[in-house]
């Protein structure tokens, strides 16, 4: 299993995460459904780097299906929703 650092995210018009990204990495962009599969099946882990170190990205079962998120803490700097938006070709 490879650990994949996420530095950007792609979002749809509603602001929902559609892909995880790290410019220059061969796996990037990784579509949401593929990242969810990777995490749930232990294929790869994804994380963001916060001021206090690594913050893992988790799969959450919401009312409208599965989605990706980091656990809330005292800073917004490591929140998946707050990452820079990636341009996906």
N, C-alpha and C. Protein backbone atom coordinates (compact mmCIF):
# COMPACT_ATOMS: atom_id res chain seq x y z
N UNK A 1 0.85 -1.18 0.00
CA UNK A 1 0.00 0.00 0.00
C UNK A 1 0.89 1.23 0.00
N UNK A 2 0.58 2.16 -0.88
CA UNK A 2 1.32 3.42 -0.95
C UNK A 2 0.52 4.51 -0.25
N UNK A 3 1.25 5.37 0.45
CA UNK A 3 0.65 6.57 1.04
C UNK A 3 0.73 7.68 0.00
N UNK A 4 -0.38 8.31 -0.28
CA UNK A 4 -0.43 9.35 -1.30
C UNK A 4 -0.79 10.70 -0.67
N UNK A 5 0.13 11.63 -0.80
CA UNK A 5 -0.09 12.97 -0.27
C UNK A 5 -0.96 13.77 -1.24
N UNK A 6 -2.00 14.38 -0.71
CA UNK A 6 -2.94 15.17 -1.50
C UNK A 6 -2.66 16.65 -1.24
N UNK A 7 -2.46 17.41 -2.32
CA UNK A 7 -2.18 18.84 -2.17
C UNK A 7 -3.27 19.71 -2.77
N UNK A 8 -4.12 19.10 -3.58
CA UNK A 8 -5.23 19.83 -4.22
C UNK A 8 -6.41 18.88 -4.36
N UNK A 9 -7.56 19.47 -4.64
CA UNK A 9 -8.74 18.65 -4.91
C UNK A 9 -9.51 19.26 -6.06
N UNK A 10 -10.25 18.42 -6.76
CA UNK A 10 -11.15 18.89 -7.81
C UNK A 10 -12.55 18.86 -7.24
N UNK A 11 -13.36 19.83 -7.62
CA UNK A 11 -14.71 19.94 -7.08
C UNK A 11 -15.71 20.20 -8.20
N UNK A 12 -16.94 19.76 -7.96
CA UNK A 12 -18.00 20.05 -8.92
C UNK A 12 -18.63 21.41 -8.59
N UNK A 13 -19.66 21.78 -9.32
CA UNK A 13 -20.29 23.09 -9.15
C UNK A 13 -20.94 23.27 -7.78
N UNK A 14 -21.22 22.17 -7.09
CA UNK A 14 -21.78 22.24 -5.73
C UNK A 14 -20.69 22.30 -4.67
N UNK A 15 -19.43 22.20 -5.08
CA UNK A 15 -18.32 22.21 -4.13
C UNK A 15 -17.97 20.84 -3.59
N UNK A 16 -18.59 19.79 -4.13
CA UNK A 16 -18.29 18.42 -3.68
C UNK A 16 -16.98 17.95 -4.31
N UNK A 17 -16.17 17.24 -3.52
CA UNK A 17 -14.90 16.71 -4.00
C UNK A 17 -15.16 15.66 -5.08
N UNK A 18 -14.50 15.82 -6.23
CA UNK A 18 -14.64 14.85 -7.33
C UNK A 18 -13.34 14.10 -7.61
N UNK A 19 -12.22 14.65 -7.14
CA UNK A 19 -10.93 13.99 -7.35
C UNK A 19 -9.91 14.51 -6.35
N UNK A 20 -8.92 13.66 -6.05
CA UNK A 20 -7.80 14.03 -5.21
C UNK A 20 -6.59 14.22 -6.12
N UNK A 21 -5.77 15.21 -5.83
CA UNK A 21 -4.69 15.56 -6.75
C UNK A 21 -3.40 15.90 -6.03
N UNK A 22 -2.28 15.68 -6.73
CA UNK A 22 -0.96 16.14 -6.33
C UNK A 22 -0.17 16.27 -7.62
N UNK A 23 -0.04 17.49 -8.09
CA UNK A 23 0.60 17.78 -9.37
C UNK A 23 1.94 17.08 -9.49
N UNK A 24 2.14 16.42 -10.60
CA UNK A 24 3.39 15.74 -10.89
C UNK A 24 3.43 14.28 -10.47
N UNK A 25 2.44 13.82 -9.74
CA UNK A 25 2.40 12.42 -9.32
C UNK A 25 1.68 11.59 -10.38
N UNK A 26 2.17 10.40 -10.64
CA UNK A 26 1.60 9.57 -11.71
C UNK A 26 0.15 9.18 -11.44
N UNK A 27 -0.27 9.13 -10.19
CA UNK A 27 -1.63 8.73 -9.84
C UNK A 27 -2.63 9.90 -9.94
N UNK A 28 -2.14 11.10 -10.05
CA UNK A 28 -2.98 12.30 -9.97
C UNK A 28 -3.45 12.76 -11.35
N UNK A 29 -4.73 13.11 -11.48
CA UNK A 29 -5.79 13.12 -10.46
C UNK A 29 -6.38 11.72 -10.26
N UNK A 30 -6.85 11.47 -9.06
CA UNK A 30 -7.51 10.20 -8.73
C UNK A 30 -8.97 10.51 -8.48
N UNK A 31 -9.83 9.96 -9.32
CA UNK A 31 -11.26 10.21 -9.21
C UNK A 31 -11.80 9.74 -7.84
N UNK A 32 -12.80 10.42 -7.35
CA UNK A 32 -13.37 10.13 -6.03
C UNK A 32 -13.71 8.66 -5.87
N UNK A 33 -14.40 8.08 -6.83
CA UNK A 33 -14.83 6.68 -6.70
C UNK A 33 -13.63 5.74 -6.60
N UNK A 34 -12.54 6.06 -7.33
CA UNK A 34 -11.34 5.24 -7.29
C UNK A 34 -10.60 5.40 -5.96
N UNK A 35 -10.54 6.64 -5.45
CA UNK A 35 -9.91 6.88 -4.15
C UNK A 35 -10.69 6.18 -3.04
N UNK A 36 -12.00 6.22 -3.10
CA UNK A 36 -12.83 5.52 -2.11
C UNK A 36 -12.53 4.03 -2.16
N UNK A 37 -12.47 3.47 -3.35
CA UNK A 37 -12.14 2.04 -3.51
C UNK A 37 -10.76 1.74 -2.93
N UNK A 38 -9.78 2.60 -3.24
CA UNK A 38 -8.42 2.41 -2.73
C UNK A 38 -8.41 2.36 -1.20
N UNK A 39 -9.08 3.30 -0.57
CA UNK A 39 -9.09 3.41 0.89
C UNK A 39 -9.83 2.23 1.51
N UNK A 40 -11.02 1.93 1.00
CA UNK A 40 -11.83 0.87 1.59
C UNK A 40 -11.19 -0.51 1.45
N UNK A 41 -10.43 -0.71 0.39
CA UNK A 41 -9.81 -2.01 0.14
C UNK A 41 -8.34 -2.07 0.56
N UNK A 42 -7.86 -1.03 1.22
CA UNK A 42 -6.48 -1.02 1.71
C UNK A 42 -5.44 -0.99 0.62
N UNK A 43 -5.79 -0.48 -0.56
CA UNK A 43 -4.86 -0.43 -1.68
C UNK A 43 -3.89 0.73 -1.52
N UNK A 44 -4.42 1.91 -1.21
CA UNK A 44 -3.63 3.12 -0.98
C UNK A 44 -4.31 3.92 0.12
N UNK A 45 -3.50 4.72 0.83
CA UNK A 45 -4.06 5.69 1.75
C UNK A 45 -3.79 7.07 1.18
N UNK A 46 -4.61 8.01 1.54
CA UNK A 46 -4.48 9.39 1.09
C UNK A 46 -4.45 10.28 2.32
N UNK A 47 -3.65 11.34 2.26
CA UNK A 47 -3.55 12.23 3.41
C UNK A 47 -3.20 13.64 2.95
N UNK A 48 -3.47 14.60 3.83
CA UNK A 48 -3.02 15.97 3.65
C UNK A 48 -2.03 16.25 4.76
N UNK A 49 -1.16 17.20 4.52
CA UNK A 49 -0.15 17.57 5.51
C UNK A 49 -0.67 18.81 6.25
N UNK A 50 -0.86 18.66 7.54
CA UNK A 50 -1.30 19.77 8.37
C UNK A 50 -0.17 20.32 9.19
N UNK A 51 -0.43 21.37 9.93
CA UNK A 51 0.60 22.00 10.75
C UNK A 51 1.10 21.05 11.84
N UNK A 52 0.28 20.07 12.18
CA UNK A 52 0.67 19.10 13.20
C UNK A 52 0.98 17.73 12.60
N UNK A 53 1.23 17.70 11.30
CA UNK A 53 1.59 16.45 10.65
C UNK A 53 0.51 15.91 9.74
N UNK A 54 0.58 14.63 9.53
CA UNK A 54 -0.31 13.93 8.60
C UNK A 54 -1.74 13.87 9.11
N UNK A 55 -2.67 14.15 8.20
CA UNK A 55 -4.10 14.02 8.49
C UNK A 55 -4.69 13.11 7.42
N UNK A 56 -5.15 11.93 7.82
CA UNK A 56 -5.68 10.96 6.87
C UNK A 56 -7.02 11.37 6.29
N UNK A 57 -7.23 11.00 5.04
CA UNK A 57 -8.51 11.19 4.37
C UNK A 57 -9.31 9.91 4.56
N UNK A 58 -10.54 10.06 4.99
CA UNK A 58 -11.39 8.92 5.29
C UNK A 58 -12.60 8.88 4.36
N UNK A 59 -13.21 7.71 4.29
CA UNK A 59 -14.47 7.52 3.56
C UNK A 59 -15.59 7.61 4.58
N UNK A 60 -16.60 8.41 4.26
CA UNK A 60 -17.75 8.60 5.15
C UNK A 60 -19.00 8.23 4.37
N UNK A 61 -19.92 7.52 5.03
CA UNK A 61 -21.21 7.20 4.42
C UNK A 61 -22.20 8.29 4.79
N UNK A 62 -22.54 9.11 3.81
CA UNK A 62 -23.49 10.20 4.03
C UNK A 62 -24.87 9.84 3.52
N UNK A 63 -25.80 10.76 3.67
CA UNK A 63 -27.18 10.54 3.23
C UNK A 63 -27.27 10.34 1.72
N UNK A 64 -26.37 10.99 0.98
CA UNK A 64 -26.43 10.86 -0.48
C UNK A 64 -25.32 9.98 -1.03
N UNK A 65 -24.71 9.15 -0.18
CA UNK A 65 -23.68 8.23 -0.64
C UNK A 65 -22.35 8.49 0.05
N UNK A 66 -21.34 7.80 -0.43
CA UNK A 66 -20.01 7.90 0.17
C UNK A 66 -19.30 9.16 -0.29
N UNK A 67 -18.51 9.73 0.63
CA UNK A 67 -17.69 10.88 0.26
C UNK A 67 -16.39 10.84 1.05
N UNK A 68 -15.47 11.72 0.66
CA UNK A 68 -14.14 11.78 1.27
C UNK A 68 -14.04 13.00 2.18
N UNK A 69 -13.35 12.83 3.32
CA UNK A 69 -13.14 13.98 4.20
C UNK A 69 -11.99 13.71 5.15
N UNK A 70 -11.49 14.79 5.73
CA UNK A 70 -10.56 14.71 6.85
C UNK A 70 -11.38 14.95 8.11
N UNK A 71 -10.89 14.46 9.23
CA UNK A 71 -11.59 14.70 10.48
C UNK A 71 -11.42 16.15 10.91
N UNK A 72 -12.49 16.77 11.39
CA UNK A 72 -12.39 18.16 11.84
C UNK A 72 -11.44 18.27 13.04
N UNK A 73 -10.70 19.36 13.07
CA UNK A 73 -9.87 19.66 14.23
C UNK A 73 -9.84 21.17 14.43
N UNK A 74 -8.86 21.67 15.14
CA UNK A 74 -8.83 23.08 15.50
C UNK A 74 -8.39 24.01 14.38
N UNK A 75 -7.92 23.46 13.27
CA UNK A 75 -7.48 24.31 12.16
C UNK A 75 -8.19 23.90 10.87
N UNK A 76 -8.41 24.86 10.00
CA UNK A 76 -9.03 24.56 8.71
C UNK A 76 -7.97 24.32 7.64
N UNK A 77 -6.69 24.50 7.97
CA UNK A 77 -5.64 24.40 6.97
C UNK A 77 -5.46 23.00 6.42
N UNK A 78 -5.94 21.98 7.12
CA UNK A 78 -5.79 20.62 6.62
C UNK A 78 -7.12 20.01 6.21
N UNK A 79 -8.14 20.83 6.08
CA UNK A 79 -9.44 20.32 5.65
C UNK A 79 -9.43 20.08 4.15
N UNK A 80 -9.93 18.96 3.75
CA UNK A 80 -9.95 18.59 2.34
C UNK A 80 -10.71 19.63 1.51
N UNK A 81 -11.79 20.14 2.06
CA UNK A 81 -12.58 21.14 1.34
C UNK A 81 -11.83 22.45 1.12
N UNK A 82 -10.83 22.73 1.94
CA UNK A 82 -10.12 23.99 1.85
C UNK A 82 -8.87 23.94 0.98
N UNK A 83 -8.56 22.79 0.40
CA UNK A 83 -7.41 22.69 -0.49
C UNK A 83 -7.65 23.50 -1.75
N UNK A 84 -6.57 23.92 -2.37
CA UNK A 84 -6.67 24.63 -3.65
C UNK A 84 -7.37 23.74 -4.66
N UNK A 85 -8.11 24.35 -5.54
CA UNK A 85 -8.84 23.61 -6.56
C UNK A 85 -7.90 23.28 -7.71
N UNK A 86 -7.90 22.04 -8.09
CA UNK A 86 -7.05 21.58 -9.19
C UNK A 86 -7.79 21.69 -10.51
N UNK A 87 -7.07 22.05 -11.53
CA UNK A 87 -7.60 22.06 -12.89
C UNK A 87 -7.38 20.67 -13.47
N UNK A 88 -8.44 20.03 -13.91
CA UNK A 88 -8.33 18.70 -14.48
C UNK A 88 -8.68 18.77 -15.96
N UNK A 89 -7.77 18.26 -16.76
CA UNK A 89 -7.98 18.30 -18.21
C UNK A 89 -8.96 17.24 -18.64
